[in-house]
Amino acid sequence: MKPGDAVGAERWPYQGAHPDCWGPPWRGTLLAVDDPRVWAPTLAVYGQEPTPAAIAEHLGRWPSRPTSVPVLWDFGPHGEVIHWERPARLRSYADDAAAWRAARAAAYASWACCPAAA
């Protein structure tokens, strides 16, 4: 995956509830490590605008490249938040949505009250 790709990580709202209540999977956007949005709210560039030079200076202090990647998660009415994620946890949003549909269908089949919905 590359920066700008839509990703998912099996973050499915209300997955523990009845399948009628499940919300669609949360969608994230993979960001580049040097994206200014990643560093704006952090102490890494405290007191200054996260310019490419300030970000490069900060990244230059790291002994190696990070093992996590920044993802901008869109939580709908709750806003957007950047989280650092392990790449192995991520998959394309299309794959995540397909897995969500399959899990939701299986959940419908397991509810005794909903045999026709399966």
N, C-alpha and C. Protein backbone atom coordinates (compact mmCIF):
# COMPACT_ATOMS: atom_id res chain seq x y z
N MET A 1 0.84 -1.18 0.00
CA MET A 1 0.00 0.00 0.00
C MET A 1 0.89 1.24 0.00
N LYS A 2 0.32 2.31 -0.51
CA LYS A 2 1.09 3.55 -0.61
C LYS A 2 0.27 4.71 -0.05
N PRO A 3 0.93 5.81 0.31
CA PRO A 3 0.19 6.96 0.85
C PRO A 3 -0.95 7.37 -0.08
N GLY A 4 -2.08 7.67 0.53
CA GLY A 4 -3.28 8.05 -0.21
C GLY A 4 -4.26 6.91 -0.38
N ASP A 5 -3.81 5.67 -0.17
CA ASP A 5 -4.71 4.51 -0.31
C ASP A 5 -5.72 4.47 0.83
N ALA A 6 -6.94 4.05 0.50
CA ALA A 6 -7.98 3.83 1.51
C ALA A 6 -7.73 2.48 2.16
N VAL A 7 -7.74 2.47 3.50
CA VAL A 7 -7.44 1.26 4.25
C VAL A 7 -8.51 0.99 5.30
N GLY A 8 -8.52 -0.25 5.76
CA GLY A 8 -9.37 -0.67 6.86
C GLY A 8 -8.55 -1.54 7.79
N ALA A 9 -9.08 -1.78 9.01
CA ALA A 9 -8.35 -2.59 9.99
C ALA A 9 -9.33 -3.35 10.89
N GLU A 10 -10.41 -3.81 10.31
CA GLU A 10 -11.46 -4.52 11.04
C GLU A 10 -11.95 -3.68 12.23
N ARG A 11 -12.19 -2.42 11.96
CA ARG A 11 -12.81 -1.53 12.94
C ARG A 11 -14.25 -1.34 12.50
N TRP A 12 -15.11 -2.15 13.07
CA TRP A 12 -16.51 -2.20 12.64
C TRP A 12 -17.39 -1.76 13.80
N PRO A 13 -18.01 -0.59 13.70
CA PRO A 13 -18.83 -0.09 14.79
C PRO A 13 -19.97 -1.04 15.18
N TYR A 14 -20.12 -1.21 16.47
CA TYR A 14 -21.21 -1.99 17.07
C TYR A 14 -21.19 -3.45 16.64
N GLN A 15 -20.01 -4.00 16.37
CA GLN A 15 -19.88 -5.38 15.91
C GLN A 15 -20.40 -6.37 16.95
N GLY A 16 -20.40 -6.01 18.22
CA GLY A 16 -20.89 -6.90 19.25
C GLY A 16 -22.41 -6.90 19.40
N ALA A 17 -23.07 -6.01 18.68
CA ALA A 17 -24.53 -5.89 18.77
C ALA A 17 -25.20 -6.73 17.69
N HIS A 18 -26.52 -6.65 17.64
CA HIS A 18 -27.27 -7.33 16.58
C HIS A 18 -26.79 -6.80 15.23
N PRO A 19 -26.72 -7.65 14.22
CA PRO A 19 -26.20 -7.22 12.91
C PRO A 19 -26.93 -6.02 12.30
N ASP A 20 -28.19 -5.81 12.65
CA ASP A 20 -28.90 -4.63 12.14
C ASP A 20 -28.24 -3.33 12.62
N CYS A 21 -27.54 -3.42 13.74
CA CYS A 21 -26.92 -2.23 14.35
C CYS A 21 -25.51 -1.95 13.85
N TRP A 22 -24.91 -2.92 13.16
CA TRP A 22 -23.53 -2.73 12.73
C TRP A 22 -23.40 -1.53 11.81
N GLY A 23 -22.42 -0.70 12.08
CA GLY A 23 -22.12 0.39 11.17
C GLY A 23 -21.11 -0.07 10.13
N PRO A 24 -21.01 0.62 9.01
CA PRO A 24 -20.01 0.23 8.02
C PRO A 24 -18.60 0.40 8.59
N PRO A 25 -17.63 -0.31 8.03
CA PRO A 25 -16.25 -0.22 8.55
C PRO A 25 -15.72 1.21 8.49
N TRP A 26 -14.91 1.55 9.51
CA TRP A 26 -14.26 2.86 9.47
C TRP A 26 -13.23 2.86 8.36
N ARG A 27 -13.16 3.96 7.64
CA ARG A 27 -12.23 4.10 6.51
C ARG A 27 -11.07 5.00 6.94
N GLY A 28 -9.88 4.55 6.60
CA GLY A 28 -8.69 5.34 6.86
C GLY A 28 -7.98 5.67 5.56
N THR A 29 -7.14 6.67 5.63
CA THR A 29 -6.28 7.03 4.50
C THR A 29 -4.84 6.93 4.96
N LEU A 30 -4.07 6.11 4.27
CA LEU A 30 -2.66 5.95 4.61
C LEU A 30 -1.92 7.24 4.29
N LEU A 31 -1.15 7.73 5.25
CA LEU A 31 -0.39 8.97 5.06
C LEU A 31 1.10 8.67 4.97
N ALA A 32 1.83 9.56 4.35
CA ALA A 32 3.29 9.45 4.31
C ALA A 32 3.84 9.86 5.68
N VAL A 33 4.95 9.27 6.06
CA VAL A 33 5.56 9.58 7.36
C VAL A 33 5.91 11.06 7.46
N ASP A 34 6.23 11.68 6.35
CA ASP A 34 6.61 13.10 6.39
C ASP A 34 5.46 14.06 6.07
N ASP A 35 4.23 13.56 6.12
CA ASP A 35 3.06 14.42 5.88
C ASP A 35 2.92 15.40 7.05
N PRO A 36 2.82 16.70 6.78
CA PRO A 36 2.71 17.69 7.87
C PRO A 36 1.52 17.45 8.80
N ARG A 37 0.44 16.85 8.31
CA ARG A 37 -0.72 16.59 9.17
C ARG A 37 -0.38 15.63 10.30
N VAL A 38 0.59 14.75 10.07
CA VAL A 38 0.99 13.79 11.09
C VAL A 38 1.68 14.50 12.26
N TRP A 39 2.46 15.51 11.96
CA TRP A 39 3.30 16.14 12.97
C TRP A 39 2.74 17.42 13.56
N ALA A 40 1.71 18.00 12.96
CA ALA A 40 1.16 19.27 13.45
C ALA A 40 0.75 19.22 14.92
N PRO A 41 0.05 18.16 15.38
CA PRO A 41 -0.40 18.17 16.77
C PRO A 41 0.59 17.54 17.76
N THR A 42 1.86 17.41 17.41
CA THR A 42 2.81 16.70 18.27
C THR A 42 3.89 17.62 18.83
N LEU A 43 4.62 17.10 19.79
CA LEU A 43 5.74 17.84 20.36
C LEU A 43 6.99 17.79 19.48
N ALA A 44 6.97 16.97 18.45
CA ALA A 44 8.14 16.84 17.57
C ALA A 44 8.52 18.17 16.94
N VAL A 45 7.56 18.98 16.62
CA VAL A 45 7.83 20.29 16.02
C VAL A 45 7.16 21.37 16.87
N TYR A 46 7.23 21.20 18.17
CA TYR A 46 6.55 22.08 19.12
C TYR A 46 6.87 23.55 18.88
N GLY A 47 5.82 24.33 18.81
CA GLY A 47 5.98 25.76 18.68
C GLY A 47 6.30 26.25 17.29
N GLN A 48 6.31 25.38 16.34
CA GLN A 48 6.59 25.82 14.97
C GLN A 48 5.66 25.11 14.00
N GLU A 49 5.52 25.69 12.85
CA GLU A 49 4.74 25.07 11.78
C GLU A 49 5.50 23.84 11.29
N PRO A 50 4.81 22.71 11.10
CA PRO A 50 5.54 21.51 10.65
C PRO A 50 5.96 21.62 9.19
N THR A 51 7.04 22.33 8.95
CA THR A 51 7.57 22.49 7.60
C THR A 51 8.28 21.20 7.18
N PRO A 52 8.46 21.01 5.89
CA PRO A 52 9.22 19.83 5.45
C PRO A 52 10.61 19.77 6.08
N ALA A 53 11.26 20.91 6.27
CA ALA A 53 12.59 20.92 6.87
C ALA A 53 12.54 20.48 8.34
N ALA A 54 11.54 20.97 9.09
CA ALA A 54 11.41 20.59 10.50
C ALA A 54 11.08 19.10 10.63
N ILE A 55 10.25 18.60 9.75
CA ILE A 55 9.90 17.18 9.77
C ILE A 55 11.11 16.33 9.41
N ALA A 56 11.85 16.73 8.39
CA ALA A 56 13.05 15.99 7.98
C ALA A 56 14.08 15.98 9.11
N GLU A 57 14.21 17.11 9.81
CA GLU A 57 15.15 17.17 10.95
C GLU A 57 14.71 16.19 12.03
N HIS A 58 13.42 16.17 12.33
CA HIS A 58 12.91 15.25 13.35
C HIS A 58 13.12 13.79 12.93
N LEU A 59 12.77 13.48 11.70
CA LEU A 59 12.93 12.10 11.22
C LEU A 59 14.40 11.70 11.17
N GLY A 60 15.28 12.66 10.95
CA GLY A 60 16.71 12.39 10.93
C GLY A 60 17.26 11.96 12.28
N ARG A 61 16.54 12.29 13.36
CA ARG A 61 16.96 11.90 14.71
C ARG A 61 16.58 10.46 15.04
N TRP A 62 15.74 9.87 14.22
CA TRP A 62 15.31 8.49 14.47
C TRP A 62 16.44 7.55 14.05
N PRO A 63 16.74 6.53 14.86
CA PRO A 63 17.80 5.61 14.47
C PRO A 63 17.44 4.75 13.25
N SER A 64 16.16 4.54 13.03
CA SER A 64 15.71 3.78 11.86
C SER A 64 14.31 4.27 11.49
N ARG A 65 13.82 3.84 10.36
CA ARG A 65 12.48 4.22 9.93
C ARG A 65 11.46 3.61 10.88
N PRO A 66 10.32 4.24 11.06
CA PRO A 66 9.31 3.70 11.98
C PRO A 66 8.75 2.36 11.50
N THR A 67 8.36 1.54 12.45
CA THR A 67 7.75 0.25 12.11
C THR A 67 6.24 0.37 11.96
N SER A 68 5.70 1.53 12.28
CA SER A 68 4.27 1.80 12.13
C SER A 68 4.09 2.89 11.08
N VAL A 69 2.88 2.99 10.58
CA VAL A 69 2.57 3.99 9.56
C VAL A 69 1.41 4.85 10.04
N PRO A 70 1.39 6.13 9.66
CA PRO A 70 0.28 6.99 10.08
C PRO A 70 -0.94 6.78 9.17
N VAL A 71 -2.09 6.71 9.81
CA VAL A 71 -3.35 6.55 9.09
C VAL A 71 -4.31 7.62 9.60
N LEU A 72 -4.92 8.34 8.68
CA LEU A 72 -5.94 9.33 9.01
C LEU A 72 -7.29 8.62 8.99
N TRP A 73 -7.85 8.35 10.17
CA TRP A 73 -9.13 7.65 10.27
C TRP A 73 -10.27 8.65 10.23
N ASP A 74 -11.28 8.36 9.44
CA ASP A 74 -12.46 9.21 9.33
C ASP A 74 -13.57 8.57 10.15
N PHE A 75 -13.85 9.16 11.31
CA PHE A 75 -14.89 8.64 12.19
C PHE A 75 -16.20 9.38 12.00
N GLY A 76 -16.47 9.81 10.77
CA GLY A 76 -17.74 10.44 10.43
C GLY A 76 -18.01 11.66 11.29
N PRO A 77 -19.16 11.67 11.97
CA PRO A 77 -19.52 12.85 12.76
C PRO A 77 -18.60 13.09 13.95
N HIS A 78 -17.76 12.11 14.29
CA HIS A 78 -16.84 12.25 15.41
C HIS A 78 -15.51 12.87 14.99
N GLY A 79 -15.34 13.10 13.70
CA GLY A 79 -14.14 13.77 13.20
C GLY A 79 -13.08 12.82 12.69
N GLU A 80 -11.94 13.38 12.37
CA GLU A 80 -10.81 12.63 11.85
C GLU A 80 -9.70 12.60 12.90
N VAL A 81 -9.01 11.46 12.97
CA VAL A 81 -7.93 11.28 13.94
C VAL A 81 -6.80 10.51 13.26
N ILE A 82 -5.57 10.89 13.56
CA ILE A 82 -4.42 10.17 13.03
C ILE A 82 -3.93 9.19 14.09
N HIS A 83 -3.80 7.94 13.69
CA HIS A 83 -3.26 6.89 14.56
C HIS A 83 -2.09 6.24 13.82
N TRP A 84 -1.09 5.82 14.58
CA TRP A 84 0.01 5.04 14.02
C TRP A 84 -0.41 3.58 14.08
N GLU A 85 -0.32 2.88 12.96
CA GLU A 85 -0.77 1.49 12.87
C GLU A 85 0.36 0.60 12.36
N ARG A 86 0.32 -0.64 12.78
CA ARG A 86 1.23 -1.65 12.24
C ARG A 86 0.75 -2.00 10.84
N PRO A 87 1.62 -2.01 9.84
CA PRO A 87 1.19 -2.32 8.48
C PRO A 87 0.50 -3.68 8.35
N ALA A 88 0.91 -4.66 9.15
CA ALA A 88 0.30 -5.99 9.06
C ALA A 88 -1.18 -5.96 9.47
N ARG A 89 -1.58 -4.96 10.23
CA ARG A 89 -2.97 -4.86 10.68
C ARG A 89 -3.88 -4.27 9.60
N LEU A 90 -3.29 -3.59 8.64
CA LEU A 90 -4.07 -2.89 7.63
C LEU A 90 -4.33 -3.76 6.41
N ARG A 91 -5.42 -3.45 5.73
CA ARG A 91 -5.74 -4.05 4.43
C ARG A 91 -6.49 -3.01 3.63
N SER A 92 -6.66 -3.26 2.37
CA SER A 92 -7.38 -2.28 1.55
C SER A 92 -8.80 -2.13 2.09
N TYR A 93 -9.36 -0.95 1.88
CA TYR A 93 -10.72 -0.73 2.38
C TYR A 93 -11.71 -1.65 1.68
N ALA A 94 -11.49 -1.94 0.41
CA ALA A 94 -12.38 -2.85 -0.32
C ALA A 94 -12.36 -4.24 0.33
N ASP A 95 -11.17 -4.72 0.70
CA ASP A 95 -11.06 -6.02 1.37
C ASP A 95 -11.73 -5.99 2.75
N ASP A 96 -11.54 -4.89 3.47
CA ASP A 96 -12.14 -4.77 4.79
C ASP A 96 -13.67 -4.75 4.69
N ALA A 97 -14.20 -4.02 3.71
CA ALA A 97 -15.65 -3.96 3.52
C ALA A 97 -16.21 -5.33 3.12
N ALA A 98 -15.49 -6.07 2.30
CA ALA A 98 -15.94 -7.42 1.91
C ALA A 98 -15.94 -8.35 3.12
N ALA A 99 -14.91 -8.27 3.96
CA ALA A 99 -14.86 -9.09 5.17
C ALA A 99 -15.98 -8.71 6.12
N TRP A 100 -16.30 -7.41 6.21
CA TRP A 100 -17.39 -6.93 7.05
C TRP A 100 -18.72 -7.52 6.57
N ARG A 101 -18.96 -7.49 5.26
CA ARG A 101 -20.21 -8.05 4.72
C ARG A 101 -20.31 -9.54 5.04
N ALA A 102 -19.21 -10.27 4.88
CA ALA A 102 -19.22 -11.71 5.17
C ALA A 102 -19.45 -11.96 6.66
N ALA A 103 -18.79 -11.20 7.52
CA ALA A 103 -18.97 -11.38 8.96
C ALA A 103 -20.39 -11.01 9.39
N ARG A 104 -20.93 -10.00 8.78
CA ARG A 104 -22.30 -9.58 9.11
C ARG A 104 -23.30 -10.65 8.67
N ALA A 105 -23.10 -11.24 7.49
CA ALA A 105 -23.98 -12.32 7.03
C ALA A 105 -23.88 -13.52 7.97
N ALA A 106 -22.68 -13.85 8.42
CA ALA A 106 -22.50 -14.95 9.36
C ALA A 106 -23.17 -14.64 10.70
N ALA A 107 -23.09 -13.38 11.13
CA ALA A 107 -23.73 -12.99 12.38
C ALA A 107 -25.25 -13.10 12.26
N TYR A 108 -25.80 -12.69 11.12
CA TYR A 108 -27.24 -12.84 10.91
C TYR A 108 -27.64 -14.31 11.01
N ALA A 109 -26.84 -15.18 10.41
CA ALA A 109 -27.16 -16.61 10.41
C ALA A 109 -27.11 -17.20 11.82
N SER A 110 -26.30 -16.61 12.69
CA SER A 110 -26.17 -17.16 14.04
C SER A 110 -27.24 -16.66 15.01
N TRP A 111 -27.97 -15.62 14.63
CA TRP A 111 -29.04 -15.11 15.50
C TRP A 111 -30.29 -15.92 15.24
N ALA A 112 -30.84 -16.52 16.30
CA ALA A 112 -32.03 -17.39 16.17
C ALA A 112 -33.25 -16.59 15.72
N CYS A 113 -33.27 -15.32 15.98
CA CYS A 113 -34.45 -14.51 15.64
C CYS A 113 -34.47 -14.10 14.17
N CYS A 114 -33.40 -14.35 13.44
CA CYS A 114 -33.28 -13.79 12.10
C CYS A 114 -32.98 -14.84 11.03
N PRO A 115 -33.61 -15.99 10.99
CA PRO A 115 -33.23 -16.98 9.98
C PRO A 115 -33.46 -16.49 8.55
N ALA A 116 -34.44 -15.63 8.33
CA ALA A 116 -34.73 -15.18 6.97
C ALA A 116 -33.73 -14.13 6.49
N ALA A 117 -33.06 -13.45 7.43
CA ALA A 117 -32.13 -12.39 7.05
C ALA A 117 -30.80 -12.96 6.55
N ALA A 118 -30.52 -14.19 6.81
CA ALA A 118 -29.23 -14.76 6.43
C ALA A 118 -29.09 -14.98 4.98
